[in-house]
């Protein structure tokens, strides 16, 4: 099953209705773009799920050592400042920014853009849709993002106000100033 995009231009679809739709359809990952389109994606397969788990594990190990922020899985929906509701495969938010949210904001879809995200292209993802998603994160305040593309054996690195950097596999990615000391060797 491939993902489906629904145009809701002429539909009055509130944030509460979107949250409810996601809660009553847990078998699907549902996102909303900044343009208001709904994207419905099937669950990932075993290889992608295992790779996502490895990415989150590496990020969590680093974060436990530094205690600099909070790590989130692909099940977390972020309400981005530009209007999109997105779930990165792995995400990290600086601790002070997370603690600035109210308990209710933390409980629901957090109204914050992660400081760092990883998107892992699965066999059902189109590269263009993930590149657009990464741009949405940048437009919402993302500081560093990695789009890992096993199909093309490359990683796209996203930073604010810079062109996208593309590197091949068999590299070590640096968390730079955003995640000091975090290194990920690709492929995972």
C-alpha atoms as a PDB file:
ATOM      1  CA  UNK A   1       0.000   0.000   0.000  1.00  0.00           C
ATOM      2  CA  UNK A   2       1.325   3.441  -0.945  1.00  0.00           C
ATOM      3  CA  UNK A   3       0.559   6.634   0.906  1.00  0.00           C
ATOM      4  CA  UNK A   4      -2.480   8.736   0.015  1.00  0.00           C
ATOM      5  CA  UNK A   5      -2.716  12.537   0.000  1.00  0.00           C
ATOM      6  CA  UNK A   6      -6.132  14.162   0.471  1.00  0.00           C
ATOM      7  CA  UNK A   7      -6.719  17.816  -0.419  1.00  0.00           C
ATOM      8  CA  UNK A   8      -8.882  19.487   2.237  1.00  0.00           C
ATOM      9  CA  UNK A   9      -8.869  23.029   0.807  1.00  0.00           C
ATOM     10  CA  UNK A  10     -12.627  23.490   1.142  1.00  0.00           C
ATOM     11  CA  UNK A  11     -13.087  21.519   4.362  1.00  0.00           C
ATOM     12  CA  UNK A  12     -13.167  23.212   7.750  1.00  0.00           C
ATOM     13  CA  UNK A  13     -10.947  20.712   9.593  1.00  0.00           C
ATOM     14  CA  UNK A  14     -10.044  21.846  13.129  1.00  0.00           C
ATOM     15  CA  UNK A  15      -6.993  20.830  15.149  1.00  0.00           C
ATOM     16  CA  UNK A  16      -9.252  18.894  17.534  1.00  0.00           C
ATOM     17  CA  UNK A  17     -10.834  16.987  14.628  1.00  0.00           C
ATOM     18  CA  UNK A  18      -7.398  16.151  13.255  1.00  0.00           C
ATOM     19  CA  UNK A  19      -6.240  14.847  16.653  1.00  0.00           C
ATOM     20  CA  UNK A  20      -9.410  12.761  16.935  1.00  0.00           C
ATOM     21  CA  UNK A  21      -8.936  11.355  13.424  1.00  0.00           C
ATOM     22  CA  UNK A  22      -5.407  10.240  14.349  1.00  0.00           C
ATOM     23  CA  UNK A  23      -6.566   8.666  17.617  1.00  0.00           C
ATOM     24  CA  UNK A  24      -9.385   6.621  16.079  1.00  0.00           C
ATOM     25  CA  UNK A  25      -7.170   5.374  13.228  1.00  0.00           C
ATOM     26  CA  UNK A  26      -4.058   4.092  15.033  1.00  0.00           C
ATOM     27  CA  UNK A  27      -3.268   1.617  12.248  1.00  0.00           C
ATOM     28  CA  UNK A  28      -2.292   4.523   9.988  1.00  0.00           C
ATOM     29  CA  UNK A  29       0.227   7.277  10.348  1.00  0.00           C
ATOM     30  CA  UNK A  30      -1.634  10.442   9.414  1.00  0.00           C
ATOM     31  CA  UNK A  31       0.063  13.790   8.915  1.00  0.00           C
ATOM     32  CA  UNK A  32      -1.128  17.207   7.783  1.00  0.00           C
ATOM     33  CA  UNK A  33       1.042  19.436   5.598  1.00  0.00           C
ATOM     34  CA  UNK A  34       1.331  23.185   6.038  1.00  0.00           C
ATOM     35  CA  UNK A  35      -0.931  23.433   2.968  1.00  0.00           C
ATOM     36  CA  UNK A  36      -3.645  21.517   4.847  1.00  0.00           C
ATOM     37  CA  UNK A  37      -3.323  18.285   2.881  1.00  0.00           C
ATOM     38  CA  UNK A  38      -3.792  15.030   4.780  1.00  0.00           C
ATOM     39  CA  UNK A  39      -1.190  12.362   4.124  1.00  0.00           C
ATOM     40  CA  UNK A  40      -2.173   8.817   5.097  1.00  0.00           C
ATOM     41  CA  UNK A  41       0.666   6.322   5.265  1.00  0.00           C
ATOM     42  CA  UNK A  42       0.661   2.603   5.969  1.00  0.00           C
ATOM     43  CA  UNK A  43       2.887   1.143   8.679  1.00  0.00           C
ATOM     44  CA  UNK A  44       6.494   0.509   7.625  1.00  0.00           C
ATOM     45  CA  UNK A  45       7.929  -2.943   7.035  1.00  0.00           C
ATOM     46  CA  UNK A  46      10.396  -4.855   9.174  1.00  0.00           C
ATOM     47  CA  UNK A  47      13.619  -3.481   7.693  1.00  0.00           C
ATOM     48  CA  UNK A  48      12.550   0.171   7.964  1.00  0.00           C
ATOM     49  CA  UNK A  49      11.098  -0.390  11.434  1.00  0.00           C
ATOM     50  CA  UNK A  50      14.353  -1.950  12.620  1.00  0.00           C
ATOM     51  CA  UNK A  51      16.404   0.895  11.124  1.00  0.00           C
ATOM     52  CA  UNK A  52      14.147   3.479  12.818  1.00  0.00           C
ATOM     53  CA  UNK A  53      14.595   1.682  16.139  1.00  0.00           C
ATOM     54  CA  UNK A  54      18.377   1.729  15.693  1.00  0.00           C
ATOM     55  CA  UNK A  55      18.318   5.485  14.944  1.00  0.00           C
ATOM     56  CA  UNK A  56      16.211   6.244  18.012  1.00  0.00           C
ATOM     57  CA  UNK A  57      18.453   4.015  20.160  1.00  0.00           C
ATOM     58  CA  UNK A  58      21.616   5.832  19.054  1.00  0.00           C
ATOM     59  CA  UNK A  59      20.002   9.218  19.685  1.00  0.00           C
ATOM     60  CA  UNK A  60      18.678   8.108  23.080  1.00  0.00           C
ATOM     61  CA  UNK A  61      22.073   6.769  24.208  1.00  0.00           C
ATOM     62  CA  UNK A  62      23.706  10.091  23.325  1.00  0.00           C
ATOM     63  CA  UNK A  63      20.911  12.050  25.036  1.00  0.00           C
ATOM     64  CA  UNK A  64      21.138   9.995  28.235  1.00  0.00           C
ATOM     65  CA  UNK A  65      24.833  10.847  28.435  1.00  0.00           C
ATOM     66  CA  UNK A  66      24.301  14.575  27.837  1.00  0.00           C
ATOM     67  CA  UNK A  67      20.794  15.105  29.274  1.00  0.00           C
ATOM     68  CA  UNK A  68      20.415  18.024  26.866  1.00  0.00           C
ATOM     69  CA  UNK A  69      16.907  17.344  25.581  1.00  0.00           C
ATOM     70  CA  UNK A  70      14.093  14.919  24.846  1.00  0.00           C
ATOM     71  CA  UNK A  71      14.042  12.185  22.173  1.00  0.00           C
ATOM     72  CA  UNK A  72      10.843  11.270  20.317  1.00  0.00           C
ATOM     73  CA  UNK A  73       9.766   8.345  18.162  1.00  0.00           C
ATOM     74  CA  UNK A  74       7.856   8.331  14.891  1.00  0.00           C
ATOM     75  CA  UNK A  75       4.631   8.003  16.875  1.00  0.00           C
ATOM     76  CA  UNK A  76       4.967  11.610  18.074  1.00  0.00           C
ATOM     77  CA  UNK A  77       3.061  14.240  16.128  1.00  0.00           C
ATOM     78  CA  UNK A  78       4.466  17.777  16.284  1.00  0.00           C
ATOM     79  CA  UNK A  79       2.211  20.766  15.591  1.00  0.00           C
ATOM     80  CA  UNK A  80       4.627  22.900  13.595  1.00  0.00           C
ATOM     81  CA  UNK A  81       4.490  26.710  13.791  1.00  0.00           C
ATOM     82  CA  UNK A  82       3.821  26.899  10.025  1.00  0.00           C
ATOM     83  CA  UNK A  83       0.574  24.938  10.379  1.00  0.00           C
ATOM     84  CA  UNK A  84       1.691  21.402   9.528  1.00  0.00           C
ATOM     85  CA  UNK A  85       1.296  18.409  11.817  1.00  0.00           C
ATOM     86  CA  UNK A  86       4.276  16.109  11.240  1.00  0.00           C
ATOM     87  CA  UNK A  87       5.815  12.939  12.699  1.00  0.00           C
ATOM     88  CA  UNK A  88       9.532  12.529  12.013  1.00  0.00           C
ATOM     89  CA  UNK A  89      11.059   9.057  12.257  1.00  0.00           C
ATOM     90  CA  UNK A  90      13.267  10.329  15.106  1.00  0.00           C
ATOM     91  CA  UNK A  91      13.277  13.752  16.717  1.00  0.00           C
ATOM     92  CA  UNK A  92      15.027  15.694  19.444  1.00  0.00           C
ATOM     93  CA  UNK A  93      14.012  18.891  21.257  1.00  0.00           C
ATOM     94  CA  UNK A  94      16.302  20.952  23.510  1.00  0.00           C
ATOM     95  CA  UNK A  95      15.360  20.512  27.162  1.00  0.00           C
ATOM     96  CA  UNK A  96      14.674  24.198  27.874  1.00  0.00           C
ATOM     97  CA  UNK A  97      12.358  24.464  24.862  1.00  0.00           C
ATOM     98  CA  UNK A  98      10.487  21.301  25.919  1.00  0.00           C
ATOM     99  CA  UNK A  99      10.149  22.508  29.513  1.00  0.00           C
ATOM    100  CA  UNK A 100       8.740  25.843  28.274  1.00  0.00           C
ATOM    101  CA  UNK A 101       5.647  23.969  27.055  1.00  0.00           C
ATOM    102  CA  UNK A 102       2.740  23.518  29.447  1.00  0.00           C
ATOM    103  CA  UNK A 103       1.923  19.985  30.659  1.00  0.00           C
ATOM    104  CA  UNK A 104      -1.165  20.027  28.418  1.00  0.00           C
ATOM    105  CA  UNK A 105       0.924  21.009  25.378  1.00  0.00           C
ATOM    106  CA  UNK A 106       3.374  18.208  26.145  1.00  0.00           C
ATOM    107  CA  UNK A 107       0.505  15.715  26.485  1.00  0.00           C
ATOM    108  CA  UNK A 108      -1.152  16.557  23.155  1.00  0.00           C
ATOM    109  CA  UNK A 109       0.589  17.167  19.814  1.00  0.00           C
ATOM    110  CA  UNK A 110       3.416  19.419  21.046  1.00  0.00           C
ATOM    111  CA  UNK A 111       3.219  22.854  19.365  1.00  0.00           C
ATOM    112  CA  UNK A 112       6.927  23.009  18.628  1.00  0.00           C
ATOM    113  CA  UNK A 113       9.331  22.175  15.841  1.00  0.00           C
ATOM    114  CA  UNK A 114      12.044  19.720  16.867  1.00  0.00           C
ATOM    115  CA  UNK A 115      15.583  21.079  16.861  1.00  0.00           C
ATOM    116  CA  UNK A 116      16.774  17.905  15.116  1.00  0.00           C
ATOM    117  CA  UNK A 117      14.968  15.313  12.986  1.00  0.00           C
ATOM    118  CA  UNK A 118      15.818  12.176  11.077  1.00  0.00           C
ATOM    119  CA  UNK A 119      13.654  10.966   8.231  1.00  0.00           C
ATOM    120  CA  UNK A 120      14.380   7.475   6.907  1.00  0.00           C
ATOM    121  CA  UNK A 121      13.076   6.792   3.408  1.00  0.00           C
ATOM    122  CA  UNK A 122      11.153   3.520   3.348  1.00  0.00           C
ATOM    123  CA  UNK A 123      10.207   1.622   0.202  1.00  0.00           C
ATOM    124  CA  UNK A 124       6.792   3.324   0.079  1.00  0.00           C
ATOM    125  CA  UNK A 125       8.110   6.899   0.467  1.00  0.00           C
ATOM    126  CA  UNK A 126       8.722   9.161  -2.494  1.00  0.00           C
ATOM    127  CA  UNK A 127      11.901  11.203  -2.241  1.00  0.00           C
ATOM    128  CA  UNK A 128      10.070  14.410  -3.207  1.00  0.00           C
ATOM    129  CA  UNK A 129       7.498  14.045  -0.415  1.00  0.00           C
ATOM    130  CA  UNK A 130      10.274  13.612   2.168  1.00  0.00           C
ATOM    131  CA  UNK A 131      12.246  16.547   0.767  1.00  0.00           C
ATOM    132  CA  UNK A 132       9.105  18.695   1.030  1.00  0.00           C
ATOM    133  CA  UNK A 133       8.632  17.499   4.604  1.00  0.00           C
ATOM    134  CA  UNK A 134      12.222  18.425   5.473  1.00  0.00           C
ATOM    135  CA  UNK A 135      11.620  21.892   4.012  1.00  0.00           C
ATOM    136  CA  UNK A 136       8.532  22.233   6.230  1.00  0.00           C
ATOM    137  CA  UNK A 137      10.697  21.489   9.253  1.00  0.00           C
ATOM    138  CA  UNK A 138      13.255  24.107   8.147  1.00  0.00           C
ATOM    139  CA  UNK A 139      10.496  26.674   7.615  1.00  0.00           C
ATOM    140  CA  UNK A 140       9.317  25.945  11.175  1.00  0.00           C
ATOM    141  CA  UNK A 141      12.680  26.384  12.919  1.00  0.00           C
ATOM    142  CA  UNK A 142      14.579  23.110  12.474  1.00  0.00           C
ATOM    143  CA  UNK A 143      18.289  23.461  13.278  1.00  0.00           C
ATOM    144  CA  UNK A 144      19.571  20.204  11.740  1.00  0.00           C
ATOM    145  CA  UNK A 145      17.940  17.400   9.793  1.00  0.00           C
ATOM    146  CA  UNK A 146      19.046  14.214   8.088  1.00  0.00           C
ATOM    147  CA  UNK A 147      17.097  12.539   5.304  1.00  0.00           C
ATOM    148  CA  UNK A 148      18.552   9.046   5.076  1.00  0.00           C
ATOM    149  CA  UNK A 149      17.867   7.493   1.682  1.00  0.00           C
ATOM    150  CA  UNK A 150      18.893   3.805   1.497  1.00  0.00           C
ATOM    151  CA  UNK A 151      17.503   3.479  -2.044  1.00  0.00           C
ATOM    152  CA  UNK A 152      20.001   6.025  -3.391  1.00  0.00           C
ATOM    153  CA  UNK A 153      22.698   5.253  -0.790  1.00  0.00           C
ATOM    154  CA  UNK A 154      22.871   8.886   0.315  1.00  0.00           C
ATOM    155  CA  UNK A 155      22.004  11.294   3.098  1.00  0.00           C
ATOM    156  CA  UNK A 156      20.657  14.800   2.627  1.00  0.00           C
ATOM    157  CA  UNK A 157      21.691  17.187   5.399  1.00  0.00           C
ATOM    158  CA  UNK A 158      19.380  20.137   6.092  1.00  0.00           C
ATOM    159  CA  UNK A 159      20.478  23.302   7.917  1.00  0.00           C
ATOM    160  CA  UNK A 160      18.831  26.739   8.145  1.00  0.00           C
ATOM    161  CA  UNK A 161      19.807  29.229   5.436  1.00  0.00           C
ATOM    162  CA  UNK A 162      22.128  26.764   3.691  1.00  0.00           C
ATOM    163  CA  UNK A 163      21.802  24.620   0.599  1.00  0.00           C
ATOM    164  CA  UNK A 164      21.079  20.939   1.205  1.00  0.00           C
ATOM    165  CA  UNK A 165      24.290  18.937   1.481  1.00  0.00           C
ATOM    166  CA  UNK A 166      24.246  15.447  -0.039  1.00  0.00           C
ATOM    167  CA  UNK A 167      26.734  12.811   1.130  1.00  0.00           C
ATOM    168  CA  UNK A 168      27.091   9.155   0.229  1.00  0.00           C
ATOM    169  CA  UNK A 169      26.745   6.201   2.562  1.00  0.00           C
ATOM    170  CA  UNK A 170      29.704   4.846   4.539  1.00  0.00           C
ATOM    171  CA  UNK A 171      30.062   8.178   6.338  1.00  0.00           C
ATOM    172  CA  UNK A 172      29.846   9.374   9.900  1.00  0.00           C
ATOM    173  CA  UNK A 173      27.298  12.129  10.382  1.00  0.00           C
ATOM    174  CA  UNK A 174      27.978  14.761  13.015  1.00  0.00           C
ATOM    175  CA  UNK A 175      25.359  16.322  15.254  1.00  0.00           C
ATOM    176  CA  UNK A 176      27.375  19.528  14.854  1.00  0.00           C
ATOM    177  CA  UNK A 177      26.575  22.328  17.316  1.00  0.00           C
ATOM    178  CA  UNK A 178      22.969  21.160  17.678  1.00  0.00           C
ATOM    179  CA  UNK A 179      23.870  17.733  19.149  1.00  0.00           C
ATOM    180  CA  UNK A 180      27.469  18.165  20.320  1.00  0.00           C
ATOM    181  CA  UNK A 181      29.347  14.874  20.286  1.00  0.00           C
ATOM    182  CA  UNK A 182      26.588  12.895  18.560  1.00  0.00           C
ATOM    183  CA  UNK A 183      27.916  10.810  15.672  1.00  0.00           C
ATOM    184  CA  UNK A 184      25.966   8.358  13.528  1.00  0.00           C
ATOM    185  CA  UNK A 185      27.648   6.015  11.108  1.00  0.00           C
ATOM    186  CA  UNK A 186      25.609   5.368   7.957  1.00  0.00           C
ATOM    187  CA  UNK A 187      24.406   2.901   6.908  1.00  0.00           C
ATOM    188  CA  UNK A 188      22.893   1.946  10.223  1.00  0.00           C
END
